[in-house]
Amino acid sequence: MKLLAINSGSSTLKFRLYEMPDEKVLMKGSFEAIGMNSSCYNIKTSMGKIQKEVIINNHMDAVNILINELIGNSIISSLDEIKAVGHRVVHGGNKYSNSVIVTDRVIKEIEKIKDFAPLHNPAALIGIKAFAKIIPNALEVVCFDTAFHQSVEEKNYLYPIPYEWYIKYDIRKYGFHGLSHKFISLRMKNILKKDVNLIVCHIGNGASISAIKGGKCIDTSMGFTPNCGVMMGTRSGDIDYSIIGYIMSVTGMSYKEVDDILNKNSGLLGITGMSDLRDIDRAYIARDKKAMIAVDMYSRRIADYIANYYLLLDGEVDAIVFTAGGGENDDIIRGEVLKKLKPLGVLMDAEKNKNTIVRRGIEGIISSDNSKISVYVIATDEELMIAKDTYELFQNLK
C-alpha cells in the first residue's frame, strides 16, 4: 500500500510517499516559503529531481501541487492508491503516548494545546485539514513528537515549582524529538536482539538526550519547551531563569524579545556567531578562540547529560547512540564528548570515529574494543517512523 508521511511547518511542507510494508520511498521533497514571494518546491523520484519556483499561497496550494506531481510523474494513477497519511505533530501534551487516528476529538485536543507549540501545532493542523479535503478516503494519523516521552515518571517530569501549576496549567517536562528517539530505540533493539537500555544523543541544530530503559524513555533533556537541556545551534538550553528578568530590566526589552533571543540567537550562534556545526568545526580546526570555547561548552553539556543518565540507569547501559545531523556526521563533536566520558570507562576508537560518517553511508560502532560501554552512530529517520506508526494503525483496522 502507498502512504504519505507529512511534516508541516508554518511556511513549509515536507513529505515522503512510501510503498509499505517494503518501506520503499517512491517520492520525497519539500515545499518552502509557503505564503511568501520566494516560494518553491523540490522533489526527488527515481527518475531524477524536480525544482520549481512557483507561487504557493498556502498549504492547500502545496498539497494540490504535490498531488499533481504524483500523478504527472506516474507515481500514482489515482488518489485512491494513497491509503493513509501520517502527520508529524510536535506537541501532544499529556494526552497521547502513541500515534493515533485523526478524529474530531483529536483535532480539538491539538487545537487546545496550540499555545504549547505556537509555530508548529497550528501548521500541522493546516496540513491535516488540507489532506483530509483533497484525499478524503485516506486514513489520517497524527504522530506526536512528545508521545515517546510519556513513559517518563512523575518524579522525573515534574519541576520543583508549585504543584498547582502542573494541575492547573499542565506545566511539566514533555520532551521532544520523540519520533527520532523511538526510531533509534527500535533500531537498537533489532541490532542487539533485546529490550535495550540506551542513552540516545540526538544532535542537530536542535539537540536532545534521552535515557531509555527496556525500550521505554525514563527521562529526556528537553522540557516544557524545546529550549531546555543542552545548548543547541541557536537555543540557549538550560540557563539561570533570573537572567531573563535582569536583561528585561537593564535593556527595556520585552519578554518576547528576550525569549526570541534565547531561542534564535543563543547557543552556538550566541558564542561564535555561527550555528552550522560544519562552520564551527572549520573554525575549531583553525584554533579560533570562540569556536574552541563553544565546542568545549557544547560537548561538556552533552557529556554531563550522558553521565547523569548513566547514573539514572544504574550503570546498566547497553549503548550510547549518536544520531541526527551532528551526531551522525560530526566526528569532532562526538570525539570531544567521548573524551569527557573517559572516567566512565567510555573509550573511543579515534579512527572509527573519524571514518564513521552517515552521509557517506557509514554507520556503526566508534568505541574501542575495551570500552565499558559501546558507542554507536546510527542514522535516524523520523519520516519512516511516521510511516511505520501509520501503517500499523491502518493494519489494525482490518
Protein backbone atom coordinates (compact mmCIF):
# COMPACT_ATOMS: atom_id res chain seq x y z
CA MET A 1 0.00 0.00 0.00
CA LYS A 2 1.02 3.63 -0.54
CA LEU A 3 1.05 6.16 2.27
CA LEU A 4 2.31 9.69 2.78
CA ALA A 5 4.42 10.88 5.70
CA ILE A 6 3.92 14.62 6.21
CA ASN A 7 5.77 17.23 8.26
CA SER A 8 4.03 20.61 8.04
CA GLY A 9 5.75 23.77 9.29
CA SER A 10 4.44 27.31 9.44
CA SER A 11 5.78 28.03 5.94
CA THR A 12 6.97 24.58 4.83
CA LEU A 13 5.65 21.15 3.97
CA LYS A 14 7.97 18.14 3.78
CA PHE A 15 6.77 14.79 2.54
CA ARG A 16 7.64 11.24 1.59
CA LEU A 17 5.48 8.77 -0.31
CA TYR A 18 6.16 5.20 0.81
CA GLU A 19 5.28 1.77 -0.51
CA MET A 20 4.55 -0.20 2.66
CA PRO A 21 5.42 -2.55 4.21
CA ASP A 22 8.50 -2.55 1.96
CA GLU A 23 9.41 0.94 3.27
CA LYS A 24 10.37 1.95 -0.26
CA VAL A 25 10.43 5.71 -0.87
CA LEU A 26 8.62 6.45 -4.14
CA MET A 27 8.87 10.24 -3.96
CA LYS A 28 10.11 12.76 -1.44
CA GLY A 29 10.53 16.51 -1.27
CA SER A 30 9.66 19.79 0.36
CA PHE A 31 7.71 22.97 -0.25
CA GLU A 32 9.45 26.08 1.06
CA ALA A 33 8.45 29.68 1.85
CA ILE A 34 4.73 28.95 1.58
CA GLY A 35 2.80 32.24 1.50
CA MET A 36 5.91 34.23 0.57
CA ASN A 37 7.20 35.72 -2.65
CA SER A 38 10.12 33.28 -2.75
CA SER A 39 8.05 30.08 -2.55
CA CYS A 40 9.39 26.99 -4.32
CA TYR A 41 9.45 23.21 -4.15
CA ASN A 42 11.96 20.42 -4.58
CA ILE A 43 11.01 16.84 -5.37
CA LYS A 44 13.09 13.71 -5.89
CA THR A 45 12.00 10.49 -7.57
CA SER A 46 13.84 7.54 -9.08
CA MET A 47 13.69 9.44 -12.37
CA GLY A 48 15.53 12.50 -11.06
CA LYS A 49 14.97 15.83 -9.35
CA ILE A 50 12.30 18.48 -9.88
CA GLN A 51 12.94 22.05 -8.73
CA LYS A 52 10.49 24.86 -9.40
CA GLU A 53 9.87 28.40 -8.19
CA VAL A 54 6.11 28.91 -8.12
CA ILE A 55 3.55 30.91 -6.20
CA ILE A 56 2.37 28.81 -3.24
CA ASN A 57 -0.18 30.90 -1.38
CA ASN A 58 -1.00 28.38 1.32
CA HIS A 59 -0.68 24.75 2.35
CA MET A 60 -3.68 23.79 0.23
CA ASP A 61 -1.77 25.01 -2.83
CA ALA A 62 1.21 22.88 -1.76
CA VAL A 63 -0.96 19.78 -1.37
CA ASN A 64 -2.55 20.33 -4.78
CA ILE A 65 0.88 20.71 -6.42
CA LEU A 66 2.09 17.58 -4.65
CA ILE A 67 -0.87 15.55 -5.92
CA ASN A 68 -0.36 16.87 -9.47
CA GLU A 69 3.31 15.89 -9.36
CA LEU A 70 2.48 12.43 -8.06
CA ILE A 71 0.04 11.84 -10.93
CA GLY A 72 2.08 13.74 -13.53
CA ASN A 73 5.15 11.64 -12.82
CA SER A 74 3.10 8.42 -12.89
CA ILE A 75 3.89 7.67 -9.25
CA ILE A 76 0.18 7.12 -8.76
CA SER A 77 -2.66 6.95 -11.26
CA SER A 78 -5.43 7.77 -8.77
CA LEU A 79 -5.76 9.34 -5.34
CA ASP A 80 -7.42 6.10 -4.21
CA GLU A 81 -3.96 4.49 -4.25
CA ILE A 82 -2.98 6.57 -1.23
CA LYS A 83 -4.49 4.65 1.65
CA ALA A 84 -3.16 6.68 4.58
CA VAL A 85 -1.48 9.96 5.51
CA GLY A 86 0.66 10.26 8.64
CA HIS A 87 1.33 13.72 10.08
CA ARG A 88 4.06 14.80 12.49
CA VAL A 89 2.64 16.93 15.29
CA VAL A 90 5.21 18.48 17.60
CA HIS A 91 3.15 18.66 20.79
CA GLY A 92 0.63 16.16 22.08
CA GLY A 93 0.51 17.50 25.62
CA ASN A 94 -0.07 14.84 28.27
CA LYS A 95 -2.94 13.21 26.38
CA TYR A 96 -1.13 10.99 23.91
CA SER A 97 1.53 8.35 24.45
CA ASN A 98 1.13 6.84 20.97
CA SER A 99 0.27 7.86 17.44
CA VAL A 100 -3.49 7.98 16.88
CA ILE A 101 -6.06 8.07 14.11
CA VAL A 102 -7.41 11.56 13.44
CA THR A 103 -10.87 12.22 14.84
CA ASP A 104 -12.77 15.41 15.64
CA ARG A 105 -11.77 14.94 19.27
CA VAL A 106 -8.07 14.64 18.38
CA ILE A 107 -8.29 17.81 16.29
CA LYS A 108 -9.85 19.67 19.21
CA GLU A 109 -7.14 18.43 21.59
CA ILE A 110 -4.38 19.61 19.24
CA GLU A 111 -6.09 22.99 18.91
CA LYS A 112 -6.45 23.20 22.70
CA ILE A 113 -2.71 22.92 23.28
CA LYS A 114 -1.60 25.02 20.31
CA ASP A 115 -0.06 27.60 22.65
CA PHE A 116 2.44 24.95 23.80
CA ALA A 117 3.87 24.89 20.26
CA PRO A 118 2.57 28.04 18.53
CA LEU A 119 4.85 27.74 15.49
CA HIS A 120 4.22 24.05 14.93
CA ASN A 121 0.84 22.71 16.03
CA PRO A 122 -1.28 25.23 14.06
CA ALA A 123 0.78 24.47 10.94
CA ALA A 124 0.30 20.74 11.44
CA LEU A 125 -3.46 21.26 11.72
CA ILE A 126 -3.46 23.14 8.42
CA GLY A 127 -1.72 20.18 6.79
CA ILE A 128 -4.10 17.67 8.33
CA LYS A 129 -7.17 19.58 7.12
CA ALA A 130 -5.71 20.14 3.65
CA PHE A 131 -5.04 16.45 3.06
CA ALA A 132 -8.41 15.46 4.55
CA LYS A 133 -10.10 17.68 1.97
CA ILE A 134 -8.10 16.52 -1.05
CA ILE A 135 -7.73 12.80 -0.15
CA PRO A 136 -10.90 12.23 1.92
CA ASN A 137 -10.78 8.43 1.65
CA ALA A 138 -7.31 8.10 3.13
CA LEU A 139 -6.85 7.24 6.80
CA GLU A 140 -5.23 10.17 8.61
CA VAL A 141 -2.90 9.59 11.54
CA VAL A 142 -1.09 12.01 13.84
CA CYS A 143 2.33 11.09 15.22
CA PHE A 144 3.32 13.21 18.22
CA ASP A 145 6.92 14.20 18.88
CA THR A 146 6.14 14.16 22.61
CA ALA A 147 4.48 10.72 22.71
CA PHE A 148 7.56 8.55 23.23
CA HIS A 149 8.47 10.54 26.35
CA GLN A 150 5.10 9.99 28.05
CA SER A 151 6.58 6.92 29.77
CA VAL A 152 8.70 9.26 31.93
CA GLU A 153 7.56 9.02 35.57
CA GLU A 154 6.13 11.95 37.52
CA LYS A 155 9.26 12.28 39.67
CA ASN A 156 11.27 12.95 36.50
CA TYR A 157 8.84 15.13 34.57
CA LEU A 158 7.75 17.46 37.39
CA TYR A 159 9.50 20.77 38.01
CA PRO A 160 10.24 21.96 41.57
CA ILE A 161 7.58 24.66 41.33
CA PRO A 162 4.12 24.95 42.94
CA TYR A 163 2.34 21.68 42.22
CA GLU A 164 -0.84 23.56 41.32
CA TRP A 165 0.96 24.96 38.23
CA TYR A 166 1.12 21.39 36.97
CA ILE A 167 -2.51 20.69 37.91
CA LYS A 168 -3.95 23.96 36.55
CA TYR A 169 -1.65 24.77 33.65
CA ASP A 170 -0.04 21.44 32.68
CA ILE A 171 3.46 22.80 33.30
CA ARG A 172 5.81 19.81 33.24
CA LYS A 173 8.57 18.30 31.16
CA TYR A 174 7.26 16.93 27.86
CA GLY A 175 10.37 16.26 25.80
CA PHE A 176 10.69 16.42 22.03
CA HIS A 177 12.37 14.62 19.10
CA GLY A 178 10.35 11.63 20.29
CA LEU A 179 9.96 10.15 16.81
CA SER A 180 13.74 10.10 16.46
CA HIS A 181 14.37 8.62 19.91
CA LYS A 182 11.71 5.97 19.30
CA PHE A 183 13.18 5.09 15.90
CA ILE A 184 16.68 4.67 17.37
CA SER A 185 15.32 2.58 20.25
CA LEU A 186 13.67 0.19 17.79
CA ARG A 187 16.77 0.07 15.57
CA MET A 188 18.99 -0.78 18.52
CA LYS A 189 16.54 -3.41 19.76
CA ASN A 190 16.84 -5.04 16.36
CA ILE A 191 20.65 -4.76 16.36
CA LEU A 192 21.17 -6.05 19.91
CA LYS A 193 18.24 -8.51 19.87
CA LYS A 194 16.92 -7.37 23.25
CA ASP A 195 14.93 -4.68 25.03
CA VAL A 196 17.65 -2.07 25.32
CA ASN A 197 18.99 0.33 27.90
CA LEU A 198 20.30 3.29 25.91
CA ILE A 199 21.46 6.87 26.12
CA VAL A 200 20.44 8.45 22.83
CA CYS A 201 22.04 11.72 21.72
CA HIS A 202 20.00 13.44 19.00
CA ILE A 203 22.48 16.12 17.98
CA GLY A 204 21.38 18.54 15.28
CA ASN A 205 20.55 22.24 15.20
CA GLY A 206 18.19 21.20 17.95
CA ALA A 207 19.62 18.69 20.42
CA SER A 208 18.15 16.33 23.00
CA ILE A 209 19.40 13.43 25.08
CA SER A 210 17.22 10.61 26.38
CA ALA A 211 17.60 7.75 28.84
CA ILE A 212 15.86 4.59 27.65
CA LYS A 213 15.32 1.58 29.91
CA GLY A 214 13.96 -1.63 28.43
CA GLY A 215 12.94 0.29 25.32
CA LYS A 216 10.97 2.91 27.31
CA CYS A 217 12.03 6.52 27.85
CA ILE A 218 12.60 7.30 31.53
CA ASP A 219 14.00 10.82 31.14
CA THR A 220 14.89 13.33 28.46
CA SER A 221 16.72 16.65 28.32
CA MET A 222 14.15 18.86 26.60
CA GLY A 223 11.37 20.06 28.84
CA PHE A 224 8.22 22.19 28.77
CA THR A 225 9.61 23.67 25.55
CA PRO A 226 12.43 22.61 23.19
CA ASN A 227 14.61 25.39 24.65
CA CYS A 228 15.72 23.20 27.52
CA GLY A 229 18.63 20.85 28.12
CA VAL A 230 21.89 21.12 26.21
CA MET A 231 22.86 24.26 24.32
CA MET A 232 21.98 23.99 20.62
CA GLY A 233 22.55 25.71 17.30
CA THR A 234 20.56 28.82 18.23
CA ARG A 235 18.91 27.85 21.54
CA SER A 236 20.46 28.53 24.92
CA GLY A 237 19.35 25.33 26.62
CA ASP A 238 19.47 25.36 30.43
CA ILE A 239 20.28 28.76 31.96
CA ASP A 240 19.56 30.60 35.22
CA TYR A 241 15.98 31.85 34.71
CA SER A 242 16.81 35.10 36.57
CA ILE A 243 18.82 36.21 33.54
CA ILE A 244 15.55 36.87 31.73
CA GLY A 245 14.21 39.36 34.30
CA TYR A 246 17.60 41.03 34.66
CA ILE A 247 18.04 41.60 30.91
CA MET A 248 14.49 42.93 30.69
CA SER A 249 15.18 45.43 33.47
CA VAL A 250 18.55 46.71 32.17
CA THR A 251 17.64 46.83 28.46
CA GLY A 252 13.91 47.56 28.46
CA MET A 253 13.32 44.55 26.20
CA SER A 254 10.00 42.73 26.43
CA TYR A 255 9.72 39.10 27.48
CA LYS A 256 9.02 38.11 23.87
CA GLU A 257 12.17 39.88 22.67
CA VAL A 258 14.32 38.10 25.25
CA ASP A 259 12.60 34.78 24.51
CA ASP A 260 13.31 35.21 20.79
CA ILE A 261 16.99 35.84 21.52
CA LEU A 262 17.24 32.77 23.75
CA ASN A 263 15.63 30.63 21.04
CA LYS A 264 17.05 32.13 17.86
CA ASN A 265 20.29 33.95 18.70
CA SER A 266 21.86 31.97 21.52
CA GLY A 267 23.58 28.59 21.87
CA LEU A 268 26.44 28.05 19.44
CA LEU A 269 25.33 31.09 17.43
CA GLY A 270 25.46 33.28 20.51
CA ILE A 271 29.03 32.25 21.37
CA THR A 272 30.58 32.02 17.89
CA GLY A 273 28.30 33.93 15.52
CA MET A 274 27.74 30.61 13.70
CA SER A 275 25.10 27.92 14.16
CA ASP A 276 26.14 25.40 11.50
CA LEU A 277 28.38 22.74 13.04
CA ARG A 278 30.35 22.46 9.79
CA ASP A 279 31.33 26.13 10.01
CA ILE A 280 32.14 25.80 13.69
CA ASP A 281 34.28 22.71 13.04
CA ARG A 282 36.33 24.59 10.44
CA ALA A 283 36.86 27.45 12.88
CA TYR A 284 37.73 24.95 15.62
CA ILE A 285 40.36 23.29 13.43
CA ALA A 286 41.79 26.76 12.71
CA ARG A 287 42.01 27.24 16.52
CA ASP A 288 39.56 30.13 16.59
CA LYS A 289 39.17 31.03 20.26
CA LYS A 290 35.38 31.39 20.31
CA ALA A 291 34.91 28.17 18.35
CA MET A 292 37.16 26.30 20.78
CA ILE A 293 35.21 27.66 23.75
CA ALA A 294 31.87 26.80 22.12
CA VAL A 295 32.88 23.23 21.25
CA ASP A 296 34.11 22.69 24.81
CA MET A 297 30.87 24.11 26.25
CA TYR A 298 28.70 22.10 23.86
CA SER A 299 30.48 18.78 24.36
CA ARG A 300 30.61 19.30 28.13
CA ARG A 301 26.86 19.77 28.36
CA ILE A 302 26.19 16.68 26.25
CA ALA A 303 28.64 14.66 28.36
CA ASP A 304 27.01 15.93 31.57
CA TYR A 305 23.61 14.62 30.48
CA ILE A 306 25.10 11.29 29.43
CA ALA A 307 26.78 10.94 32.84
CA ASN A 308 23.52 11.90 34.57
CA TYR A 309 21.58 9.27 32.64
CA TYR A 310 24.30 6.67 33.22
CA LEU A 311 23.54 7.04 36.93
CA LEU A 312 19.78 7.05 36.31
CA LEU A 313 20.18 3.71 34.51
CA ASP A 314 22.22 2.34 37.43
CA GLY A 315 25.23 1.98 35.16
CA GLU A 316 23.43 -0.67 33.10
CA VAL A 317 23.81 0.88 29.65
CA ASP A 318 23.88 -1.29 26.54
CA ALA A 319 24.97 1.55 24.28
CA ILE A 320 25.36 5.27 23.81
CA VAL A 321 23.98 6.29 20.41
CA PHE A 322 24.73 9.43 18.41
CA THR A 323 22.18 10.37 15.77
CA ALA A 324 20.70 13.29 13.73
CA GLY A 325 22.76 15.62 11.53
CA GLY A 326 25.52 16.44 14.01
CA GLY A 327 25.52 13.11 15.81
CA GLU A 328 25.69 11.20 12.55
CA ASN A 329 28.33 13.28 10.79
CA ASP A 330 30.35 15.43 13.20
CA ASP A 331 33.34 13.41 14.39
CA ILE A 332 34.81 16.45 16.18
CA ILE A 333 31.83 16.95 18.48
CA ARG A 334 31.48 13.21 19.08
CA GLY A 335 35.18 12.95 19.85
CA GLU A 336 35.14 15.82 22.34
CA VAL A 337 32.10 14.34 24.10
CA LEU A 338 33.68 10.90 24.38
CA LYS A 339 36.95 12.30 25.74
CA LYS A 340 34.95 13.77 28.62
CA LEU A 341 33.33 10.37 29.30
CA LYS A 342 36.62 8.56 29.86
CA PRO A 343 36.08 8.48 33.67
CA LEU A 344 33.01 6.30 32.99
CA GLY A 345 35.17 3.82 31.09
CA VAL A 346 33.90 5.02 27.71
CA LEU A 347 36.81 4.74 25.29
CA MET A 348 36.81 5.98 21.70
CA ASP A 349 38.45 4.39 18.68
CA ALA A 350 39.70 7.59 17.02
CA GLU A 351 39.99 6.05 13.56
CA LYS A 352 36.48 4.56 13.66
CA ASN A 353 35.09 7.87 14.88
CA LYS A 354 36.81 9.75 12.05
CA ASN A 355 35.58 7.37 9.37
CA THR A 356 32.01 6.81 10.58
CA ILE A 357 30.01 9.41 8.66
CA VAL A 358 26.38 8.64 7.83
CA ARG A 359 26.20 11.00 4.85
CA ARG A 360 28.91 8.77 3.31
CA GLY A 361 26.79 5.73 4.01
CA ILE A 362 28.79 4.55 7.04
CA GLU A 363 27.29 3.90 10.46
CA GLY A 364 28.38 1.60 13.28
CA ILE A 365 30.45 1.36 16.46
CA ILE A 366 33.02 4.08 17.23
CA SER A 367 34.13 2.89 20.67
CA SER A 368 37.23 0.78 21.22
CA ASP A 369 37.02 -2.95 21.95
CA ASN A 370 37.85 -2.40 25.63
CA SER A 371 35.29 0.39 26.18
CA LYS A 372 32.97 -0.30 29.11
CA ILE A 373 30.02 0.93 27.01
CA SER A 374 29.65 0.54 23.24
CA VAL A 375 29.12 3.77 21.34
CA TYR A 376 27.14 3.67 18.10
CA VAL A 377 26.49 6.11 15.29
CA ILE A 378 23.08 5.31 13.78
CA ALA A 379 21.03 7.20 11.19
CA THR A 380 17.64 8.34 12.41
CA ASP A 381 14.57 8.57 10.18
CA GLU A 382 11.60 10.42 11.62
CA GLU A 383 9.60 10.20 8.38
CA LEU A 384 9.99 6.41 8.32
CA MET A 385 8.86 6.31 11.96
CA ILE A 386 5.74 8.23 10.93
CA ALA A 387 5.19 5.74 8.11
CA LYS A 388 5.65 2.73 10.41
CA ASP A 389 3.20 4.04 13.00
CA THR A 390 0.66 4.99 10.33
CA TYR A 391 0.93 1.61 8.63
CA GLU A 392 0.48 -0.22 11.93
CA LEU A 393 -2.71 1.71 12.72
CA PHE A 394 -4.01 1.08 9.19
CA GLN A 395 -3.37 -2.64 9.55
CA ASN A 396 -5.10 -2.71 12.92
CA LEU A 397 -8.31 -1.53 11.27
CA LYS A 398 -8.53 -4.63 9.12
